[in-house]
Amino acid sequence: MHYLKCNHCGHLNEVKSEFMVFCMQCEKKIENHFKDWVKKHPDKTFTDWQQLICISESDLNETIPAERKKNKSAKYWLGFAVSFAIFYAIGQFGGKAIVDFFMSDKTPENILEQQWITASYGETGLTIETPVRLEKATLEFPEELKPYLVRFDTYNNLSAKGFKVFVNSILYVSELKEVNLQGAADGSVSEMKAQKGVTDFTYQEEETNLGPIPGKMQRGRYKQDGQGINFINVMYALDIRMWHVTVGWLDKDEFGPAAAERVIRSIAIQETSDKKAG
């Protein structure tokens, strides 16, 4: 069984045939449905489309805790929260595809020699170092997710040249008790794979930590409309707080990898007084 996520409302539509075009919930046409996709990939089959674009039942089973699979529970939406923020909502920035942002320019040759900025982002203690100060953004979330968020601060450097940095600082309601870190990691990968034009998606995941704060680090690569993009995706979670940093760069960006590694190494989290909010 496979599902295709609606790019308008986020609903997961069960794929029953190659003729599914409209969302069952909002009734709007879904981007990257099979009929449109196969026009760009005439050598591919319906099965290829399901594997490359759709979300499989096994992906969902990994994301949704076994004891709550019967409904769209809090933990279900928590598992997808991080991924919605980065990949689902990117379309809100001018309606462009993610590849447009990366294609603006390659990372400047002197990126590591210039003065970098160390700054805090959000109000849950996240600090990182970047070549330019990240800009605060506004995101829209599915209605099902909103009741579980106390605050969600998101930042990026989409206006800068070269590699891209996305940062989320998240505080959930106290009723959730703790973040499902693996669920968030699995949901993030599923969301990336489900984006329009994404193919050849591969990644490796490893555990990491910042002192007592556990995390997941995903390193991978995919093609967006044929353009190769590399990424490092890092998530840390403690009680009802989550911190998320994603860095991406083009295949042929010579200086992007080193700059990305520097950003990831700089991540720091300070204790804050808001951890029991909600």
C-alpha atoms as a PDB file:
ATOM      1  CA  MET A   1       0.000   0.000   0.000  1.00  0.00           C
ATOM      2  CA  HIS A   2       1.280   3.468  -0.916  1.00  0.00           C
ATOM      3  CA  TYR A   3       0.223   7.039  -0.169  1.00  0.00           C
ATOM      4  CA  LEU A   4       0.650  10.341  -1.993  1.00  0.00           C
ATOM      5  CA  LYS A   5       0.699  13.459   0.163  1.00  0.00           C
ATOM      6  CA  CYS A   6      -1.359  16.442  -0.931  1.00  0.00           C
ATOM      7  CA  ASN A   7       0.853  19.492  -1.419  1.00  0.00           C
ATOM      8  CA  HIS A   8      -2.065  21.743  -0.412  1.00  0.00           C
ATOM      9  CA  CYS A   9      -3.377  20.288   2.855  1.00  0.00           C
ATOM     10  CA  GLY A  10      -0.875  17.538   3.710  1.00  0.00           C
ATOM     11  CA  HIS A  11      -3.428  14.724   3.595  1.00  0.00           C
ATOM     12  CA  LEU A  12      -2.035  11.274   2.828  1.00  0.00           C
ATOM     13  CA  ASN A  13      -4.074   9.832  -0.044  1.00  0.00           C
ATOM     14  CA  GLU A  14      -4.068   6.082  -0.491  1.00  0.00           C
ATOM     15  CA  VAL A  15      -2.918   5.259  -4.023  1.00  0.00           C
ATOM     16  CA  LYS A  16      -5.394   2.806  -5.496  1.00  0.00           C
ATOM     17  CA  SER A  17      -4.638   3.361  -9.170  1.00  0.00           C
ATOM     18  CA  GLU A  18      -2.557   5.423 -11.563  1.00  0.00           C
ATOM     19  CA  PHE A  19      -5.550   7.681 -12.178  1.00  0.00           C
ATOM     20  CA  MET A  20      -5.570   9.377  -8.767  1.00  0.00           C
ATOM     21  CA  VAL A  21      -5.220  13.114  -9.416  1.00  0.00           C
ATOM     22  CA  PHE A  22      -7.272  14.956  -6.771  1.00  0.00           C
ATOM     23  CA  CYS A  23      -6.909  14.984  -2.978  1.00  0.00           C
ATOM     24  CA  MET A  24      -9.661  13.113  -1.156  1.00  0.00           C
ATOM     25  CA  GLN A  25      -9.699  15.722   1.618  1.00  0.00           C
ATOM     26  CA  CYS A  26      -9.397  19.176   0.008  1.00  0.00           C
ATOM     27  CA  GLU A  27     -10.316  18.041  -3.537  1.00  0.00           C
ATOM     28  CA  LYS A  28      -7.478  20.037  -5.099  1.00  0.00           C
ATOM     29  CA  LYS A  29      -5.201  18.622  -7.779  1.00  0.00           C
ATOM     30  CA  ILE A  30      -2.112  17.020  -6.271  1.00  0.00           C
ATOM     31  CA  GLU A  31       1.264  17.917  -7.707  1.00  0.00           C
ATOM     32  CA  ASN A  32       3.429  15.092  -9.018  1.00  0.00           C
ATOM     33  CA  HIS A  33       0.565  12.640  -9.492  1.00  0.00           C
ATOM     34  CA  PHE A  34       1.446   9.716 -11.750  1.00  0.00           C
ATOM     35  CA  LYS A  35      -0.023  11.117 -14.992  1.00  0.00           C
ATOM     36  CA  ASP A  36       2.062  14.281 -14.732  1.00  0.00           C
ATOM     37  CA  TRP A  37       5.161  12.528 -13.417  1.00  0.00           C
ATOM     38  CA  VAL A  38       5.322   9.899 -16.164  1.00  0.00           C
ATOM     39  CA  LYS A  39       5.365  12.630 -18.821  1.00  0.00           C
ATOM     40  CA  LYS A  40       8.736  13.730 -17.424  1.00  0.00           C
ATOM     41  CA  HIS A  41       9.898  10.147 -16.922  1.00  0.00           C
ATOM     42  CA  PRO A  42       8.528   8.189 -19.902  1.00  0.00           C
ATOM     43  CA  ASP A  43      10.913   5.318 -19.243  1.00  0.00           C
ATOM     44  CA  LYS A  44       9.484   4.746 -15.753  1.00  0.00           C
ATOM     45  CA  THR A  45       6.520   2.639 -14.654  1.00  0.00           C
ATOM     46  CA  PHE A  46       3.692   3.042 -12.175  1.00  0.00           C
ATOM     47  CA  THR A  47       5.652   0.859  -9.763  1.00  0.00           C
ATOM     48  CA  ASP A  48       8.701   3.110 -10.148  1.00  0.00           C
ATOM     49  CA  TRP A  49       6.529   6.120  -9.310  1.00  0.00           C
ATOM     50  CA  GLN A  50       5.174   4.423  -6.198  1.00  0.00           C
ATOM     51  CA  GLN A  51       8.680   3.595  -4.978  1.00  0.00           C
ATOM     52  CA  LEU A  52      10.251   6.961  -5.788  1.00  0.00           C
ATOM     53  CA  ILE A  53       7.470   9.447  -5.036  1.00  0.00           C
ATOM     54  CA  CYS A  54       4.912   7.804  -2.751  1.00  0.00           C
ATOM     55  CA  ILE A  55       5.134   7.018   0.949  1.00  0.00           C
ATOM     56  CA  SER A  56       4.901   3.298   1.609  1.00  0.00           C
ATOM     57  CA  GLU A  57       2.927   1.628   4.367  1.00  0.00           C
ATOM     58  CA  SER A  58       6.184   0.439   5.906  1.00  0.00           C
ATOM     59  CA  ASP A  59       7.383   4.067   6.077  1.00  0.00           C
ATOM     60  CA  LEU A  60       4.219   4.969   7.960  1.00  0.00           C
ATOM     61  CA  ASN A  61       4.532   1.989  10.272  1.00  0.00           C
ATOM     62  CA  GLU A  62       8.013   3.117  11.240  1.00  0.00           C
ATOM     63  CA  THR A  63       6.742   6.615  11.937  1.00  0.00           C
ATOM     64  CA  ILE A  64       3.556   5.842  13.871  1.00  0.00           C
ATOM     65  CA  PRO A  65       4.017   4.134  17.253  1.00  0.00           C
ATOM     66  CA  ALA A  66       2.355   0.707  17.286  1.00  0.00           C
ATOM     67  CA  GLU A  67       0.027   1.506  20.162  1.00  0.00           C
ATOM     68  CA  ARG A  68      -1.471   4.524  18.340  1.00  0.00           C
ATOM     69  CA  LYS A  69      -1.732   3.377  14.693  1.00  0.00           C
ATOM     70  CA  LYS A  70      -5.509   3.327  14.669  1.00  0.00           C
ATOM     71  CA  ASN A  71      -5.870   7.106  14.416  1.00  0.00           C
ATOM     72  CA  LYS A  72      -3.977  10.274  13.640  1.00  0.00           C
ATOM     73  CA  SER A  73      -2.609  10.599  17.135  1.00  0.00           C
ATOM     74  CA  ALA A  74      -0.413  13.285  18.618  1.00  0.00           C
ATOM     75  CA  LYS A  75       2.672  11.158  18.112  1.00  0.00           C
ATOM     76  CA  TYR A  76       1.785  10.604  14.474  1.00  0.00           C
ATOM     77  CA  TRP A  77       1.827  14.325  13.776  1.00  0.00           C
ATOM     78  CA  LEU A  78       4.821  14.810  16.033  1.00  0.00           C
ATOM     79  CA  GLY A  79       6.719  12.351  13.866  1.00  0.00           C
ATOM     80  CA  PHE A  80       6.043  14.497  10.823  1.00  0.00           C
ATOM     81  CA  ALA A  81       6.447  17.893  12.499  1.00  0.00           C
ATOM     82  CA  VAL A  82      10.080  18.436  11.626  1.00  0.00           C
ATOM     83  CA  SER A  83       9.669  17.328   8.037  1.00  0.00           C
ATOM     84  CA  PHE A  84       6.630  19.526   7.457  1.00  0.00           C
ATOM     85  CA  ALA A  85       8.611  22.536   8.626  1.00  0.00           C
ATOM     86  CA  ILE A  86      11.483  22.069   6.231  1.00  0.00           C
ATOM     87  CA  PHE A  87      10.224  20.363   3.096  1.00  0.00           C
ATOM     88  CA  TYR A  88       6.453  20.675   2.952  1.00  0.00           C
ATOM     89  CA  ALA A  89       6.593  24.389   3.726  1.00  0.00           C
ATOM     90  CA  ILE A  90       9.438  25.278   1.357  1.00  0.00           C
ATOM     91  CA  GLY A  91       6.816  25.730  -1.308  1.00  0.00           C
ATOM     92  CA  GLN A  92       5.520  28.728   0.647  1.00  0.00           C
ATOM     93  CA  PHE A  93       8.634  30.731  -0.217  1.00  0.00           C
ATOM     94  CA  GLY A  94       7.482  32.254  -3.480  1.00  0.00           C
ATOM     95  CA  GLY A  95       6.053  28.996  -4.796  1.00  0.00           C
ATOM     96  CA  LYS A  96       9.420  27.878  -6.179  1.00  0.00           C
ATOM     97  CA  ALA A  97      10.841  24.382  -6.181  1.00  0.00           C
ATOM     98  CA  ILE A  98      13.665  23.755  -3.729  1.00  0.00           C
ATOM     99  CA  VAL A  99      16.158  23.389  -6.564  1.00  0.00           C
ATOM    100  CA  ASP A 100      15.620  27.071  -7.479  1.00  0.00           C
ATOM    101  CA  PHE A 101      17.164  28.088  -4.177  1.00  0.00           C
ATOM    102  CA  PHE A 102      20.233  25.964  -4.672  1.00  0.00           C
ATOM    103  CA  MET A 103      20.673  27.069  -8.262  1.00  0.00           C
ATOM    104  CA  SER A 104      21.092  30.721  -7.270  1.00  0.00           C
ATOM    105  CA  ASP A 105      24.885  30.334  -7.043  1.00  0.00           C
ATOM    106  CA  LYS A 106      27.567  27.982  -5.852  1.00  0.00           C
ATOM    107  CA  THR A 107      29.186  28.542  -2.478  1.00  0.00           C
ATOM    108  CA  PRO A 108      31.827  31.320  -2.718  1.00  0.00           C
ATOM    109  CA  GLU A 109      35.440  30.188  -2.706  1.00  0.00           C
ATOM    110  CA  ASN A 110      36.327  32.374   0.308  1.00  0.00           C
ATOM    111  CA  ILE A 111      33.396  31.143   2.419  1.00  0.00           C
ATOM    112  CA  LEU A 112      35.590  29.627   5.142  1.00  0.00           C
ATOM    113  CA  GLU A 113      37.898  32.640   5.313  1.00  0.00           C
ATOM    114  CA  GLN A 114      35.268  35.302   5.880  1.00  0.00           C
ATOM    115  CA  GLN A 115      33.921  36.300   9.289  1.00  0.00           C
ATOM    116  CA  TRP A 116      31.145  33.929  10.373  1.00  0.00           C
ATOM    117  CA  ILE A 117      28.329  34.829  12.767  1.00  0.00           C
ATOM    118  CA  THR A 118      27.498  32.860  15.903  1.00  0.00           C
ATOM    119  CA  ALA A 119      23.900  33.507  16.945  1.00  0.00           C
ATOM    120  CA  SER A 120      20.983  31.997  18.851  1.00  0.00           C
ATOM    121  CA  TYR A 121      17.802  31.083  16.983  1.00  0.00           C
ATOM    122  CA  GLY A 122      14.453  30.666  18.683  1.00  0.00           C
ATOM    123  CA  GLU A 123      13.884  30.592  22.423  1.00  0.00           C
ATOM    124  CA  THR A 124      14.865  27.038  23.277  1.00  0.00           C
ATOM    125  CA  GLY A 125      18.644  27.516  23.447  1.00  0.00           C
ATOM    126  CA  LEU A 126      19.871  26.667  19.928  1.00  0.00           C
ATOM    127  CA  THR A 127      23.066  28.378  18.725  1.00  0.00           C
ATOM    128  CA  ILE A 128      24.935  27.832  15.457  1.00  0.00           C
ATOM    129  CA  GLU A 129      27.625  29.511  13.360  1.00  0.00           C
ATOM    130  CA  THR A 130      26.854  30.576   9.780  1.00  0.00           C
ATOM    131  CA  PRO A 131      28.433  32.874   7.156  1.00  0.00           C
ATOM    132  CA  VAL A 132      25.433  35.248   7.334  1.00  0.00           C
ATOM    133  CA  ARG A 133      22.744  35.745   9.933  1.00  0.00           C
ATOM    134  CA  LEU A 134      19.772  33.510   9.227  1.00  0.00           C
ATOM    135  CA  GLU A 135      16.444  35.157   8.517  1.00  0.00           C
ATOM    136  CA  LYS A 136      13.278  34.320  10.421  1.00  0.00           C
ATOM    137  CA  ALA A 137      10.523  32.779   8.302  1.00  0.00           C
ATOM    138  CA  THR A 138       6.817  32.118   8.757  1.00  0.00           C
ATOM    139  CA  LEU A 139       5.370  28.691   8.035  1.00  0.00           C
ATOM    140  CA  GLU A 140       1.852  27.325   7.731  1.00  0.00           C
ATOM    141  CA  PHE A 141       1.115  23.913   9.187  1.00  0.00           C
ATOM    142  CA  PRO A 142      -1.707  21.404   8.749  1.00  0.00           C
ATOM    143  CA  GLU A 143      -4.518  22.003  11.214  1.00  0.00           C
ATOM    144  CA  GLU A 144      -3.953  18.578  12.777  1.00  0.00           C
ATOM    145  CA  LEU A 145      -0.476  19.593  13.906  1.00  0.00           C
ATOM    146  CA  LYS A 146      -1.182  23.024  15.417  1.00  0.00           C
ATOM    147  CA  PRO A 147      -2.696  21.830  18.731  1.00  0.00           C
ATOM    148  CA  TYR A 148       0.599  20.154  19.612  1.00  0.00           C
ATOM    149  CA  LEU A 149       2.861  23.173  19.109  1.00  0.00           C
ATOM    150  CA  VAL A 150       3.614  25.803  21.745  1.00  0.00           C
ATOM    151  CA  ARG A 151       6.055  27.611  19.502  1.00  0.00           C
ATOM    152  CA  PHE A 152       7.875  26.863  16.282  1.00  0.00           C
ATOM    153  CA  ASP A 153      10.682  29.201  15.241  1.00  0.00           C
ATOM    154  CA  THR A 154      12.225  28.643  11.818  1.00  0.00           C
ATOM    155  CA  TYR A 155      15.115  30.386  10.066  1.00  0.00           C
ATOM    156  CA  ASN A 156      17.047  30.074   6.804  1.00  0.00           C
ATOM    157  CA  ASN A 157      19.557  31.740   4.479  1.00  0.00           C
ATOM    158  CA  LEU A 158      17.578  31.356   1.253  1.00  0.00           C
ATOM    159  CA  SER A 159      18.635  34.813   0.074  1.00  0.00           C
ATOM    160  CA  ALA A 160      22.362  34.025   0.364  1.00  0.00           C
ATOM    161  CA  LYS A 161      24.594  32.515  -2.304  1.00  0.00           C
ATOM    162  CA  GLY A 162      25.614  28.888  -2.244  1.00  0.00           C
ATOM    163  CA  PHE A 163      24.792  26.203   0.295  1.00  0.00           C
ATOM    164  CA  LYS A 164      21.552  26.492   2.258  1.00  0.00           C
ATOM    165  CA  VAL A 165      20.887  26.266   5.986  1.00  0.00           C
ATOM    166  CA  PHE A 166      17.493  25.628   7.596  1.00  0.00           C
ATOM    167  CA  VAL A 167      16.998  25.793  11.364  1.00  0.00           C
ATOM    168  CA  ASN A 168      13.974  24.888  13.480  1.00  0.00           C
ATOM    169  CA  SER A 169      13.590  25.421  17.199  1.00  0.00           C
ATOM    170  CA  ILE A 170      10.472  23.662  18.468  1.00  0.00           C
ATOM    171  CA  LEU A 171       8.545  23.441  21.725  1.00  0.00           C
ATOM    172  CA  TYR A 172       5.605  21.043  21.978  1.00  0.00           C
ATOM    173  CA  VAL A 173       2.753  20.946  24.474  1.00  0.00           C
ATOM    174  CA  SER A 174       3.578  19.306  27.802  1.00  0.00           C
ATOM    175  CA  GLU A 175       0.929  16.608  27.266  1.00  0.00           C
ATOM    176  CA  LEU A 176       3.207  14.883  24.770  1.00  0.00           C
ATOM    177  CA  LYS A 177       5.713  14.200  27.568  1.00  0.00           C
ATOM    178  CA  GLU A 178       8.630  13.649  25.191  1.00  0.00           C
ATOM    179  CA  VAL A 179       9.550  13.854  21.526  1.00  0.00           C
ATOM    180  CA  ASN A 180       9.630  10.666  19.461  1.00  0.00           C
ATOM    181  CA  LEU A 181      13.074  11.273  17.969  1.00  0.00           C
ATOM    182  CA  GLN A 182      13.157   8.219  15.708  1.00  0.00           C
ATOM    183  CA  GLY A 183       9.654   8.975  14.504  1.00  0.00           C
ATOM    184  CA  ALA A 184      10.733  12.493  13.599  1.00  0.00           C
ATOM    185  CA  ALA A 185      13.805  11.180  11.781  1.00  0.00           C
ATOM    186  CA  ASP A 186      11.761   8.643   9.816  1.00  0.00           C
ATOM    187  CA  GLY A 187       9.097  11.220   9.035  1.00  0.00           C
ATOM    188  CA  SER A 188      11.674  13.685   7.784  1.00  0.00           C
ATOM    189  CA  VAL A 189      13.069  11.166   5.293  1.00  0.00           C
ATOM    190  CA  SER A 190       9.587  10.170   4.143  1.00  0.00           C
ATOM    191  CA  GLU A 191       8.686  13.821   3.601  1.00  0.00           C
ATOM    192  CA  MET A 192      11.844  14.505   1.589  1.00  0.00           C
ATOM    193  CA  LYS A 193      11.201  11.493  -0.639  1.00  0.00           C
ATOM    194  CA  ALA A 194       7.611  12.613  -1.203  1.00  0.00           C
ATOM    195  CA  GLN A 195       8.490  16.034  -2.594  1.00  0.00           C
ATOM    196  CA  LYS A 196       7.736  16.828  -6.211  1.00  0.00           C
ATOM    197  CA  GLY A 197      10.571  15.907  -8.582  1.00  0.00           C
ATOM    198  CA  VAL A 198      12.643  13.958  -6.028  1.00  0.00           C
ATOM    199  CA  THR A 199      14.296  10.763  -7.293  1.00  0.00           C
ATOM    200  CA  ASP A 200      17.317   8.557  -6.498  1.00  0.00           C
ATOM    201  CA  PHE A 201      17.036   9.257  -2.770  1.00  0.00           C
ATOM    202  CA  THR A 202      19.691   7.598  -0.595  1.00  0.00           C
ATOM    203  CA  TYR A 203      20.880   8.290   2.941  1.00  0.00           C
ATOM    204  CA  GLN A 204      22.635   6.884   5.988  1.00  0.00           C
ATOM    205  CA  GLU A 205      21.602   7.537   9.566  1.00  0.00           C
ATOM    206  CA  GLU A 206      23.635   7.482  12.751  1.00  0.00           C
ATOM    207  CA  GLU A 207      23.113   8.373  16.387  1.00  0.00           C
ATOM    208  CA  THR A 208      24.735  11.494  17.755  1.00  0.00           C
ATOM    209  CA  ASN A 209      24.458  13.636  20.872  1.00  0.00           C
ATOM    210  CA  LEU A 210      25.240  17.008  22.407  1.00  0.00           C
ATOM    211  CA  GLY A 211      26.192  16.063  25.952  1.00  0.00           C
ATOM    212  CA  PRO A 212      23.031  14.536  27.485  1.00  0.00           C
ATOM    213  CA  ILE A 213      20.863  15.491  24.510  1.00  0.00           C
ATOM    214  CA  PRO A 214      20.373  12.578  22.068  1.00  0.00           C
ATOM    215  CA  GLY A 215      20.155  13.121  18.336  1.00  0.00           C
ATOM    216  CA  LYS A 216      19.964  11.614  14.873  1.00  0.00           C
ATOM    217  CA  MET A 217      22.173  12.593  11.948  1.00  0.00           C
ATOM    218  CA  GLN A 218      21.232  11.751   8.363  1.00  0.00           C
ATOM    219  CA  ARG A 219      23.625  12.227   5.460  1.00  0.00           C
ATOM    220  CA  GLY A 220      22.356  11.672   1.972  1.00  0.00           C
ATOM    221  CA  ARG A 221      21.809  12.651  -1.606  1.00  0.00           C
ATOM    222  CA  TYR A 222      18.920  12.861  -4.054  1.00  0.00           C
ATOM    223  CA  LYS A 223      18.011  14.380  -7.380  1.00  0.00           C
ATOM    224  CA  GLN A 224      15.560  17.249  -7.591  1.00  0.00           C
ATOM    225  CA  ASP A 225      14.235  17.515 -11.143  1.00  0.00           C
ATOM    226  CA  GLY A 226      17.464  15.843 -12.265  1.00  0.00           C
ATOM    227  CA  GLN A 227      19.791  18.113 -10.247  1.00  0.00           C
ATOM    228  CA  GLY A 228      21.928  16.332  -7.636  1.00  0.00           C
ATOM    229  CA  ILE A 229      21.606  17.726  -4.098  1.00  0.00           C
ATOM    230  CA  ASN A 230      23.494  16.604  -1.003  1.00  0.00           C
ATOM    231  CA  PHE A 231      22.298  17.151   2.546  1.00  0.00           C
ATOM    232  CA  ILE A 232      23.063  16.738   6.223  1.00  0.00           C
ATOM    233  CA  ASN A 233      19.992  16.539   8.415  1.00  0.00           C
ATOM    234  CA  VAL A 234      20.475  16.720  12.215  1.00  0.00           C
ATOM    235  CA  MET A 235      17.802  16.448  14.906  1.00  0.00           C
ATOM    236  CA  TYR A 236      18.165  16.660  18.681  1.00  0.00           C
ATOM    237  CA  ALA A 237      15.348  16.130  21.171  1.00  0.00           C
ATOM    238  CA  LEU A 238      14.950  16.411  24.929  1.00  0.00           C
ATOM    239  CA  ASP A 239      11.608  16.129  26.751  1.00  0.00           C
ATOM    240  CA  ILE A 240       9.182  18.288  24.706  1.00  0.00           C
ATOM    241  CA  ARG A 241      11.850  20.262  22.850  1.00  0.00           C
ATOM    242  CA  MET A 242      13.345  19.578  19.448  1.00  0.00           C
ATOM    243  CA  TRP A 243      16.097  21.264  17.480  1.00  0.00           C
ATOM    244  CA  HIS A 244      16.611  20.664  13.779  1.00  0.00           C
ATOM    245  CA  VAL A 245      19.346  21.823  11.390  1.00  0.00           C
ATOM    246  CA  THR A 246      19.503  20.889   7.712  1.00  0.00           C
ATOM    247  CA  VAL A 247      22.267  21.930   5.333  1.00  0.00           C
ATOM    248  CA  GLY A 248      22.153  21.287   1.567  1.00  0.00           C
ATOM    249  CA  TRP A 249      24.431  21.902  -1.405  1.00  0.00           C
ATOM    250  CA  LEU A 250      24.637  21.047  -5.095  1.00  0.00           C
ATOM    251  CA  ASP A 251      26.683  18.153  -6.453  1.00  0.00           C
ATOM    252  CA  LYS A 252      29.159  20.435  -8.221  1.00  0.00           C
ATOM    253  CA  ASP A 253      29.489  22.918  -5.352  1.00  0.00           C
ATOM    254  CA  GLU A 254      33.193  22.587  -4.503  1.00  0.00           C
ATOM    255  CA  PHE A 255      33.114  24.514  -1.236  1.00  0.00           C
ATOM    256  CA  GLY A 256      29.634  23.570  -0.036  1.00  0.00           C
ATOM    257  CA  PRO A 257      30.628  20.345   1.807  1.00  0.00           C
ATOM    258  CA  ALA A 258      33.249  21.992   4.020  1.00  0.00           C
ATOM    259  CA  ALA A 259      30.950  24.896   4.833  1.00  0.00           C
ATOM    260  CA  ALA A 260      28.130  22.495   5.681  1.00  0.00           C
ATOM    261  CA  GLU A 261      30.342  20.468   8.022  1.00  0.00           C
ATOM    262  CA  ARG A 262      31.393  23.659   9.811  1.00  0.00           C
ATOM    263  CA  VAL A 263      27.761  24.592  10.425  1.00  0.00           C
ATOM    264  CA  ILE A 264      26.950  21.143  11.804  1.00  0.00           C
ATOM    265  CA  ARG A 265      30.001  21.124  14.095  1.00  0.00           C
ATOM    266  CA  SER A 266      29.001  24.504  15.519  1.00  0.00           C
ATOM    267  CA  ILE A 267      25.584  23.421  16.817  1.00  0.00           C
ATOM    268  CA  ALA A 268      25.198  24.106  20.543  1.00  0.00           C
ATOM    269  CA  ILE A 269      22.180  23.923  22.854  1.00  0.00           C
ATOM    270  CA  GLN A 270      21.903  25.820  26.116  1.00  0.00           C
ATOM    271  CA  GLU A 271      19.488  25.014  28.926  1.00  0.00           C
ATOM    272  CA  THR A 272      16.401  27.249  28.887  1.00  0.00           C
ATOM    273  CA  SER A 273      13.613  27.898  31.369  1.00  0.00           C
ATOM    274  CA  ASP A 274      10.760  27.216  28.933  1.00  0.00           C
ATOM    275  CA  LYS A 275      11.023  23.440  28.726  1.00  0.00           C
ATOM    276  CA  LYS A 276       7.871  22.917  30.767  1.00  0.00           C
ATOM    277  CA  ALA A 277       5.774  25.427  28.849  1.00  0.00           C
ATOM    278  CA  GLY A 278       2.469  24.404  27.362  1.00  0.00           C
END
